[in-house]
Amino acid sequence: MYVDTIFDQAADALGKCDSTAVFNAITYAVKVIADQSLLDPSLGTLDLCVCEGTVTLPEDVGTVLEVNSSGQPTLIRNQFFEFHPNGPGSQSCTPCVYSDELGAVVTYRDPSGPVKLIAEVESASDNGKMLRVYATSNGKPIYTAGKTGALEEGFLVPTIFGYSQPNPLVGTIDKIYRIRKDLTNGFVKLIAINSDGTPHTSIGYYGPSETVPSYRRLRVAAQNWVRIKYKKKDLKVRSLSDWINIEEEEALLLAVKAVKFRKDNQFQQARDAEGEAIRLVNNAAQSQTPGGIKPPQILYNDWPVECGNDRLIY
């Protein structure tokens, strides 16, 4: 469920508090269920299209566990595999039976050549918020003058609601290696444009809570689709649009109420609420577990060997 599905009920259960307190309580509730139940809310599955052989994963993906490429399981090779003496090195082609984990990136797409950067701000309240890009130009890191006049690494991309323009003090950039951003109320889009101002391509789309963007990137066979099993980066709830991998709304509310009980020093009520939440989650998990193949039961005959009954009974 999405956080906004349960936010109002959680706020009522907690009493008077701000949205940050509600998010923290829901985070605690999810962690309680993750630690004590049969359900693991940190696990997720993604289906993604692949056009050019690489795919950048969403911000909440922490660890890639398995990759299915076009319906075929693959072996995952990490970013150190290119150094293996018997490996393919840094070749761009990835065979269908492999998936290459390329490490962390800060944009979901890289510019194909030297470009300038502009930003589109979706909320008027985010006008002037900080968006600092760390990049290279002709292979050298870019430094610009800060508020005191001293040179600082990186440069600011103007964030003007309703109007986009590049930083006039910065020329074209080659590669982006880090980004910092203020907390915002809306999304901020990062766009690469050609040096003459003509559109190039969208390369970043940052959510309100993203302050230091970082994404996992995979290289797989081109022109296909992939299904990814992953472990979330963390279970922290940051916004109404966050996804919680728990379907039992009543169980989650009980775990939230346990936060209120504990805050009021009602520890037994807190333990009871947590216990009931775990019971509901476990019951739901067990009812949804499909019947699998049961292996044959093998019993050893306990009669004495001298009686000639040392056979196995199946």
Protein backbone atom coordinates (compact mmCIF):
# COMPACT_ATOMS: atom_id res chain seq x y z
CA MET A 1 0.00 0.00 0.00
CA TYR A 2 1.01 3.63 -0.42
CA VAL A 3 1.62 5.72 2.69
CA ASP A 4 -1.27 8.05 1.86
CA THR A 5 -3.62 5.06 2.21
CA ILE A 6 -2.95 4.82 5.93
CA PHE A 7 -1.60 8.28 6.81
CA ASP A 8 -4.85 9.82 8.15
CA GLN A 9 -5.69 6.78 10.28
CA ALA A 10 -2.15 6.68 11.65
CA ALA A 11 -2.32 10.39 12.49
CA ASP A 12 -5.63 9.85 14.37
CA ALA A 13 -4.12 6.96 16.32
CA LEU A 14 -1.10 9.03 17.36
CA GLY A 15 -3.02 12.17 18.32
CA LYS A 16 -1.76 15.67 17.64
CA CYS A 17 1.55 15.50 15.79
CA ASP A 18 3.15 16.70 12.57
CA SER A 19 3.66 14.68 9.41
CA THR A 20 7.29 13.90 10.29
CA ALA A 21 6.17 12.20 13.53
CA VAL A 22 3.59 10.17 11.60
CA PHE A 23 6.20 9.08 9.05
CA ASN A 24 8.56 8.06 11.88
CA ALA A 25 5.81 6.03 13.58
CA ILE A 26 4.95 4.23 10.34
CA THR A 27 8.66 3.54 9.80
CA TYR A 28 8.86 1.97 13.27
CA ALA A 29 5.74 -0.10 12.57
CA VAL A 30 7.20 -1.46 9.33
CA LYS A 31 10.48 -2.35 11.08
CA VAL A 32 8.60 -4.19 13.85
CA ILE A 33 6.77 -6.28 11.29
CA ALA A 34 9.98 -6.89 9.34
CA ASP A 35 11.88 -8.06 12.44
CA GLN A 36 9.23 -10.32 13.96
CA SER A 37 6.97 -11.67 11.22
CA LEU A 38 7.20 -14.16 8.38
CA LEU A 39 6.89 -11.25 5.96
CA ASP A 40 9.95 -9.33 4.75
CA PRO A 41 8.77 -5.85 3.65
CA SER A 42 12.26 -5.02 2.42
CA LEU A 43 11.94 -7.37 -0.57
CA GLY A 44 10.54 -6.11 -3.86
CA THR A 45 10.18 -6.99 -7.55
CA LEU A 46 10.55 -4.71 -10.59
CA ASP A 47 9.70 -5.22 -14.25
CA LEU A 48 11.61 -2.83 -16.53
CA CYS A 49 12.13 -2.31 -20.24
CA VAL A 50 15.69 -2.15 -21.57
CA CYS A 51 16.42 -0.23 -24.78
CA GLU A 52 20.16 0.42 -24.94
CA GLY A 53 21.56 -2.40 -22.83
CA THR A 54 21.64 -0.57 -19.49
CA VAL A 55 18.91 0.09 -16.96
CA THR A 56 19.03 2.44 -13.96
CA LEU A 57 17.04 1.23 -10.97
CA PRO A 58 14.80 3.37 -8.72
CA GLU A 59 16.22 5.16 -5.69
CA ASP A 60 14.90 2.68 -3.11
CA VAL A 61 16.76 -0.32 -4.61
CA GLY A 62 19.60 -1.17 -2.25
CA THR A 63 20.81 -4.64 -3.24
CA VAL A 64 20.06 -6.51 -6.45
CA LEU A 65 19.39 -10.12 -5.51
CA GLU A 66 18.33 -11.79 -8.77
CA VAL A 67 17.88 -10.72 -12.41
CA ASN A 68 15.64 -12.40 -14.98
CA SER A 69 16.36 -11.14 -18.49
CA SER A 70 13.61 -11.74 -21.09
CA GLY A 71 12.33 -14.68 -19.07
CA GLN A 72 15.75 -16.27 -18.58
CA PRO A 73 17.58 -16.38 -15.22
CA THR A 74 21.01 -14.74 -15.31
CA LEU A 75 24.23 -14.79 -13.34
CA ILE A 76 25.04 -11.42 -11.75
CA ARG A 77 28.58 -10.10 -12.22
CA ASN A 78 29.59 -7.19 -9.99
CA GLN A 79 31.60 -4.09 -10.94
CA PHE A 80 34.89 -5.87 -10.14
CA PHE A 81 34.34 -8.54 -12.77
CA GLU A 82 35.81 -6.36 -15.52
CA PHE A 83 39.19 -6.74 -13.79
CA HIS A 84 39.11 -10.56 -13.80
CA PRO A 85 41.89 -11.93 -16.06
CA ASN A 86 39.51 -14.48 -17.59
CA GLY A 87 36.63 -12.02 -17.98
CA PRO A 88 35.51 -9.82 -20.89
CA GLY A 89 37.11 -6.65 -19.50
CA SER A 90 35.09 -3.50 -20.09
CA GLN A 91 33.31 -4.65 -23.24
CA SER A 92 29.88 -3.08 -23.65
CA CYS A 93 28.22 -6.30 -24.78
CA THR A 94 26.66 -8.48 -22.09
CA PRO A 95 25.64 -12.05 -23.01
CA CYS A 96 22.01 -13.01 -22.37
CA VAL A 97 22.91 -15.34 -19.51
CA TYR A 98 24.68 -12.60 -17.53
CA SER A 99 23.79 -9.32 -15.85
CA ASP A 100 26.51 -6.82 -14.94
CA GLU A 101 26.12 -4.69 -11.81
CA LEU A 102 27.80 -1.40 -12.70
CA GLY A 103 27.68 0.28 -9.28
CA ALA A 104 26.11 3.57 -8.22
CA VAL A 105 25.21 6.49 -10.52
CA VAL A 106 23.53 9.85 -9.88
CA THR A 107 21.42 10.20 -13.03
CA TYR A 108 19.13 7.67 -14.66
CA ARG A 109 20.70 8.45 -18.04
CA ASP A 110 24.10 9.79 -19.10
CA PRO A 111 24.42 12.59 -21.65
CA SER A 112 25.82 11.31 -24.95
CA GLY A 113 28.18 14.25 -25.40
CA PRO A 114 29.23 17.64 -23.98
CA VAL A 115 26.09 19.40 -22.73
CA LYS A 116 24.83 22.17 -20.48
CA LEU A 117 22.34 21.57 -17.67
CA ILE A 118 19.01 23.16 -16.82
CA ALA A 119 16.42 22.29 -14.17
CA GLU A 120 12.63 22.22 -14.23
CA VAL A 121 10.99 22.87 -10.85
CA GLU A 122 7.46 21.50 -10.47
CA SER A 123 6.44 23.44 -7.33
CA ALA A 124 6.52 27.22 -6.92
CA SER A 125 7.55 26.75 -3.28
CA ASP A 126 10.83 25.21 -4.48
CA ASN A 127 11.91 28.34 -6.32
CA GLY A 128 15.59 28.98 -5.56
CA LYS A 129 16.22 25.64 -3.81
CA MET A 130 19.78 24.37 -4.02
CA LEU A 131 20.70 21.93 -6.80
CA ARG A 132 24.47 21.48 -6.93
CA VAL A 133 26.08 19.34 -9.62
CA TYR A 134 29.59 17.94 -9.44
CA ALA A 135 30.88 17.27 -12.94
CA THR A 136 33.89 17.36 -15.22
CA SER A 137 34.63 19.48 -18.27
CA ASN A 138 37.29 18.15 -20.63
CA GLY A 139 38.04 15.54 -17.99
CA LYS A 140 38.73 18.09 -15.21
CA PRO A 141 36.47 18.73 -12.16
CA ILE A 142 34.54 22.00 -12.33
CA TYR A 143 35.02 24.61 -9.59
CA THR A 144 32.99 27.80 -9.21
CA ALA A 145 33.10 30.77 -6.83
CA GLY A 146 31.03 30.38 -3.66
CA LYS A 147 29.33 33.02 -1.53
CA THR A 148 32.66 34.10 -0.01
CA GLY A 149 34.38 34.24 -3.39
CA ALA A 150 36.47 31.15 -2.72
CA LEU A 151 36.38 28.37 -5.29
CA GLU A 152 34.10 25.45 -4.41
CA GLU A 153 33.77 22.10 -6.12
CA GLY A 154 30.76 21.82 -8.43
CA PHE A 155 28.27 24.42 -9.63
CA LEU A 156 24.68 25.46 -8.97
CA VAL A 157 21.97 24.80 -11.54
CA PRO A 158 19.35 27.61 -11.36
CA THR A 159 16.01 26.41 -9.94
CA ILE A 160 13.48 28.98 -11.12
CA PHE A 161 9.82 28.00 -11.16
CA GLY A 162 8.35 28.39 -14.63
CA TYR A 163 11.67 29.20 -16.28
CA SER A 164 14.79 27.14 -17.00
CA GLN A 165 18.25 28.39 -17.81
CA PRO A 166 21.80 27.05 -17.51
CA ASN A 167 24.38 28.51 -15.16
CA PRO A 168 25.96 31.30 -17.28
CA LEU A 169 29.36 30.82 -15.60
CA VAL A 170 29.65 27.15 -16.60
CA GLY A 171 30.36 25.78 -20.05
CA THR A 172 29.61 22.27 -21.26
CA ILE A 173 30.13 19.29 -18.99
CA ASP A 174 31.27 15.74 -19.80
CA LYS A 175 30.39 13.54 -16.84
CA ILE A 176 28.40 14.00 -13.62
CA TYR A 177 29.79 12.19 -10.59
CA ARG A 178 27.77 13.64 -7.68
CA ILE A 179 24.64 15.72 -7.03
CA ARG A 180 23.35 17.49 -3.92
CA LYS A 181 19.86 18.90 -3.57
CA ASP A 182 17.74 20.61 -0.93
CA LEU A 183 14.60 18.98 0.40
CA THR A 184 11.77 20.10 -1.87
CA ASN A 185 7.99 19.96 -1.95
CA GLY A 186 7.85 18.72 -5.53
CA PHE A 187 10.00 16.88 -8.05
CA VAL A 188 12.94 18.50 -9.81
CA LYS A 189 13.89 17.44 -13.34
CA LEU A 190 17.46 17.73 -14.60
CA ILE A 191 17.75 18.22 -18.37
CA ALA A 192 20.79 18.19 -20.63
CA ILE A 193 20.76 20.69 -23.50
CA ASN A 194 23.16 21.24 -26.35
CA SER A 195 25.60 24.15 -26.20
CA ASP A 196 23.41 26.13 -28.62
CA GLY A 197 20.42 25.79 -26.27
CA THR A 198 18.53 23.17 -28.27
CA PRO A 199 16.96 20.31 -26.26
CA HIS A 200 19.04 17.23 -25.65
CA THR A 201 17.54 14.77 -23.17
CA SER A 202 16.16 14.40 -19.64
CA ILE A 203 18.75 12.75 -17.41
CA GLY A 204 17.43 13.10 -13.83
CA TYR A 205 14.14 13.26 -11.97
CA TYR A 206 14.57 13.79 -8.24
CA GLY A 207 11.92 13.30 -5.59
CA PRO A 208 11.22 15.70 -2.70
CA SER A 209 13.21 13.66 -0.14
CA GLU A 210 16.23 12.95 -2.36
CA THR A 211 19.14 15.09 -1.21
CA VAL A 212 22.10 12.97 -2.39
CA PRO A 213 20.78 10.91 -5.34
CA SER A 214 22.28 7.47 -5.85
CA TYR A 215 20.98 4.66 -8.06
CA ARG A 216 22.11 1.16 -8.97
CA ARG A 217 22.70 0.49 -12.66
CA LEU A 218 22.69 -2.82 -14.54
CA ARG A 219 23.97 -3.81 -17.96
CA VAL A 220 22.02 -6.59 -19.65
CA ALA A 221 21.27 -7.74 -23.18
CA ALA A 222 19.79 -4.85 -25.19
CA GLN A 223 16.24 -4.56 -26.54
CA ASN A 224 14.53 -6.72 -23.93
CA TRP A 225 12.88 -6.59 -20.51
CA VAL A 226 14.18 -7.55 -17.09
CA ARG A 227 12.54 -8.67 -13.87
CA ILE A 228 14.57 -7.81 -10.78
CA LYS A 229 14.28 -9.15 -7.25
CA TYR A 230 15.83 -6.67 -4.86
CA LYS A 231 16.24 -5.62 -1.24
CA LYS A 232 15.24 -2.05 -0.40
CA LYS A 233 17.90 0.42 0.63
CA ASP A 234 16.04 1.05 3.89
CA LEU A 235 12.53 0.95 5.33
CA LYS A 236 12.29 4.63 6.21
CA VAL A 237 9.04 6.37 5.25
CA ARG A 238 9.66 9.85 3.86
CA SER A 239 6.57 10.90 1.90
CA LEU A 240 2.93 10.11 1.17
CA SER A 241 3.93 8.54 -2.15
CA ASP A 242 6.25 5.94 -0.59
CA TRP A 243 5.30 2.30 -1.13
CA ILE A 244 4.99 -0.05 1.87
CA ASN A 245 5.23 -3.72 1.00
CA ILE A 246 2.55 -4.73 3.53
CA GLU A 247 -1.06 -5.46 2.60
CA GLU A 248 -2.58 -5.87 6.08
CA GLU A 249 -3.73 -2.36 6.91
CA GLU A 250 -5.12 -3.30 10.33
CA ALA A 251 -1.82 -4.92 11.35
CA LEU A 252 0.14 -1.83 10.36
CA LEU A 253 -2.23 0.41 12.33
CA LEU A 254 -1.84 -1.79 15.41
CA ALA A 255 1.94 -1.47 15.16
CA VAL A 256 1.54 2.33 14.87
CA LYS A 257 -0.68 2.34 17.96
CA ALA A 258 2.08 0.51 19.82
CA VAL A 259 4.22 3.62 19.29
CA LYS A 260 1.58 5.73 21.05
CA PHE A 261 1.24 3.24 23.91
CA ARG A 262 4.99 3.14 24.45
CA LYS A 263 5.20 6.93 24.40
CA ASP A 264 2.54 7.01 27.15
CA ASN A 265 4.50 4.41 29.19
CA GLN A 266 1.75 1.82 28.59
CA PHE A 267 4.24 -0.93 27.83
CA GLN A 268 1.92 -3.91 28.22
CA GLN A 269 -0.59 -2.39 25.80
CA ALA A 270 2.29 -1.73 23.41
CA ARG A 271 3.42 -5.37 23.57
CA ASP A 272 -0.15 -6.58 23.08
CA ALA A 273 -0.65 -4.34 20.04
CA GLU A 274 2.63 -5.47 18.49
CA GLY A 275 1.82 -9.12 19.17
CA GLU A 276 -1.60 -8.84 17.53
CA ALA A 277 -0.07 -7.04 14.54
CA ILE A 278 2.47 -9.82 14.05
CA ARG A 279 -0.25 -12.48 14.42
CA LEU A 280 -2.36 -10.86 11.68
CA VAL A 281 0.60 -10.55 9.33
CA ASN A 282 1.72 -14.15 9.91
CA ASN A 283 -1.79 -15.50 9.40
CA ALA A 284 -2.08 -13.64 6.12
CA ALA A 285 1.37 -14.82 5.00
CA GLN A 286 0.57 -18.45 5.80
CA SER A 287 -2.80 -18.30 4.03
CA GLN A 288 -1.14 -16.93 0.89
CA THR A 289 1.68 -19.50 0.80
CA PRO A 290 1.06 -21.86 -2.13
CA GLY A 291 1.18 -25.58 -1.65
CA GLY A 292 4.56 -26.74 -2.90
CA ILE A 293 5.96 -30.13 -3.77
CA LYS A 294 6.48 -32.16 -0.62
CA PRO A 295 9.60 -34.36 -0.61
CA PRO A 296 9.12 -38.07 0.21
CA GLN A 297 9.39 -38.98 3.86
CA ILE A 298 12.15 -41.48 4.58
CA LEU A 299 11.93 -43.59 7.74
CA TYR A 300 14.61 -45.91 9.05
CA ASN A 301 13.28 -49.27 10.25
CA ASP A 302 14.23 -49.60 13.91
CA TRP A 303 14.21 -53.39 13.90
CA PRO A 304 17.56 -55.07 14.70
CA VAL A 305 19.83 -55.55 11.70
CA GLU A 306 20.37 -59.18 12.58
CA CYS A 307 16.71 -59.77 11.86
CA GLY A 308 17.35 -58.88 8.24
CA ASN A 309 15.27 -55.71 8.31
CA ASP A 310 17.95 -53.09 7.62
CA ARG A 311 15.99 -51.70 4.67
CA LEU A 312 14.67 -48.17 4.35
CA ILE A 313 10.92 -47.67 4.41
CA TYR A 314 9.59 -45.04 1.95
